[in-house]
């Protein structure tokens, strides 16, 4: 099913690529690494900028490609990277906590009928708080 994209979305995409690509890829990243401005980024940025102002419908297929790339990267991020974080960070922490006998939820209470904890602090009088 072909989804219609508004001219506003296409114009915003063209402006972001037209301004952001030369600024980030052409100027900021080389500045951080100690290189000069990458002028080839203007060959991508300027046509996107001009077409976003004059003819935003031309940017339909680049926009579709960009959105597909975003969906693919979102798939990789949510499944592979977060799965690795779970296996490499959270699972070892849980194993260490179990080996040390740490029970933060106090699930292993012996000889009790309930998990309720009785507070030792007196109740706060909210009528005279100052």
Protein backbone atom coordinates (compact mmCIF):
# COMPACT_ATOMS: atom_id res chain seq x y z
CA UNK A 1 0.00 0.00 0.00
CA UNK A 2 1.45 3.31 -1.06
CA UNK A 3 1.25 5.91 1.68
CA UNK A 4 0.86 9.54 0.66
CA UNK A 5 3.34 11.93 2.20
CA UNK A 6 2.53 15.59 2.54
CA UNK A 7 4.57 18.31 0.95
CA UNK A 8 5.35 19.60 4.42
CA UNK A 9 7.02 16.29 5.37
CA UNK A 10 9.00 16.24 2.14
CA UNK A 11 10.00 19.89 2.55
CA UNK A 12 11.16 19.28 6.15
CA UNK A 13 13.14 16.24 5.01
CA UNK A 14 14.83 18.28 2.26
CA UNK A 15 15.67 21.12 4.63
CA UNK A 16 17.11 18.76 7.24
CA UNK A 17 19.26 16.94 4.69
CA UNK A 18 20.16 20.16 2.85
CA UNK A 19 21.32 21.96 5.98
CA UNK A 20 22.18 19.11 8.35
CA UNK A 21 24.25 16.91 6.05
CA UNK A 22 26.87 19.54 5.09
CA UNK A 23 26.85 20.95 8.61
CA UNK A 24 27.36 17.66 10.45
CA UNK A 25 29.20 15.48 7.91
CA UNK A 26 31.00 18.27 6.10
CA UNK A 27 31.89 20.63 8.95
CA UNK A 28 31.51 19.29 12.51
CA UNK A 29 32.93 15.78 12.13
CA UNK A 30 36.03 16.98 10.20
CA UNK A 31 36.46 19.78 12.74
CA UNK A 32 36.50 17.27 15.59
CA UNK A 33 38.99 15.01 13.82
CA UNK A 34 41.20 17.93 12.71
CA UNK A 35 40.42 17.94 8.98
CA UNK A 36 39.14 20.65 6.67
CA UNK A 37 35.61 21.14 5.35
CA UNK A 38 34.41 18.36 3.05
CA UNK A 39 33.06 20.22 0.05
CA UNK A 40 31.52 17.13 -1.55
CA UNK A 41 28.75 17.29 1.05
CA UNK A 42 27.49 20.43 -0.67
CA UNK A 43 26.76 18.35 -3.80
CA UNK A 44 24.22 16.42 -1.74
CA UNK A 45 23.02 19.22 0.50
CA UNK A 46 22.40 22.04 -1.99
CA UNK A 47 20.21 20.05 -4.43
CA UNK A 48 18.13 18.78 -1.51
CA UNK A 49 17.81 22.30 -0.13
CA UNK A 50 16.82 23.82 -3.48
CA UNK A 51 14.38 21.06 -4.35
CA UNK A 52 12.78 21.21 -0.89
CA UNK A 53 12.01 24.88 -1.44
CA UNK A 54 11.01 24.73 -5.12
CA UNK A 55 9.77 21.16 -5.80
CA UNK A 56 9.34 19.10 -2.63
CA UNK A 57 7.60 16.24 -4.51
CA UNK A 58 10.94 15.37 -6.14
CA UNK A 59 12.17 14.20 -2.73
CA UNK A 60 9.51 11.46 -2.47
CA UNK A 61 11.79 8.50 -3.28
CA UNK A 62 14.81 9.68 -1.23
CA UNK A 63 12.39 10.21 1.67
CA UNK A 64 11.03 6.67 1.28
CA UNK A 65 14.57 5.26 1.20
CA UNK A 66 15.54 7.27 4.27
CA UNK A 67 12.50 6.02 6.18
CA UNK A 68 13.25 2.40 5.21
CA UNK A 69 16.80 2.85 6.46
CA UNK A 70 15.39 4.22 9.71
CA UNK A 71 13.11 1.20 10.11
CA UNK A 72 16.00 -1.20 9.47
CA UNK A 73 18.22 0.59 12.01
CA UNK A 74 15.34 0.59 14.49
CA UNK A 75 14.98 -3.17 14.04
CA UNK A 76 18.71 -3.65 14.64
CA UNK A 77 18.69 -1.34 17.65
CA UNK A 78 15.71 -2.81 19.40
CA UNK A 79 16.49 -6.47 18.89
CA UNK A 80 20.20 -7.02 18.48
CA UNK A 81 21.81 -4.20 20.47
CA UNK A 82 19.36 -4.32 23.37
CA UNK A 83 19.57 -8.12 23.39
CA UNK A 84 23.35 -7.87 23.71
CA UNK A 85 23.00 -5.32 26.50
CA UNK A 86 20.71 -7.73 28.32
CA UNK A 87 23.06 -10.68 27.90
CA UNK A 88 26.33 -8.84 28.55
CA UNK A 89 25.27 -6.41 31.29
CA UNK A 90 22.07 -7.36 33.07
CA UNK A 91 22.47 -11.14 33.10
CA UNK A 92 25.95 -11.08 34.76
CA UNK A 93 24.68 -8.59 37.35
CA UNK A 94 21.77 -10.91 38.17
CA UNK A 95 24.14 -13.88 38.43
CA UNK A 96 26.47 -12.02 40.80
CA UNK A 97 23.53 -10.91 42.94
CA UNK A 98 22.27 -14.49 43.13
CA UNK A 99 25.70 -15.88 44.03
CA UNK A 100 26.13 -13.28 46.79
CA UNK A 101 22.67 -14.00 48.18
CA UNK A 102 21.39 -10.47 47.65
CA UNK A 103 17.59 -10.38 47.71
CA UNK A 104 16.40 -6.77 47.18
CA UNK A 105 12.70 -7.75 47.07
CA UNK A 106 13.07 -9.87 50.23
CA UNK A 107 11.30 -12.79 48.60
CA UNK A 108 13.02 -15.37 50.78
CA UNK A 109 11.50 -14.53 54.17
CA UNK A 110 11.29 -17.58 56.36
CA UNK A 111 8.56 -18.35 58.90
CA UNK A 112 6.24 -15.52 57.90
CA UNK A 113 2.68 -15.60 56.67
CA UNK A 114 2.90 -12.34 54.72
CA UNK A 115 5.41 -10.15 52.91
CA UNK A 116 4.10 -7.02 54.65
CA UNK A 117 6.70 -4.90 56.41
CA UNK A 118 5.77 -3.00 59.53
CA UNK A 119 7.22 0.51 59.63
CA UNK A 120 8.91 1.66 62.83
CA UNK A 121 8.63 5.39 62.10
CA UNK A 122 5.68 7.31 63.58
CA UNK A 123 3.13 8.70 61.11
CA UNK A 124 3.70 12.28 59.91
CA UNK A 125 1.25 14.93 61.12
CA UNK A 126 0.29 16.71 57.88
CA UNK A 127 -1.77 19.37 59.63
CA UNK A 128 1.34 21.00 61.16
CA UNK A 129 4.12 20.47 58.63
CA UNK A 130 5.85 23.86 59.16
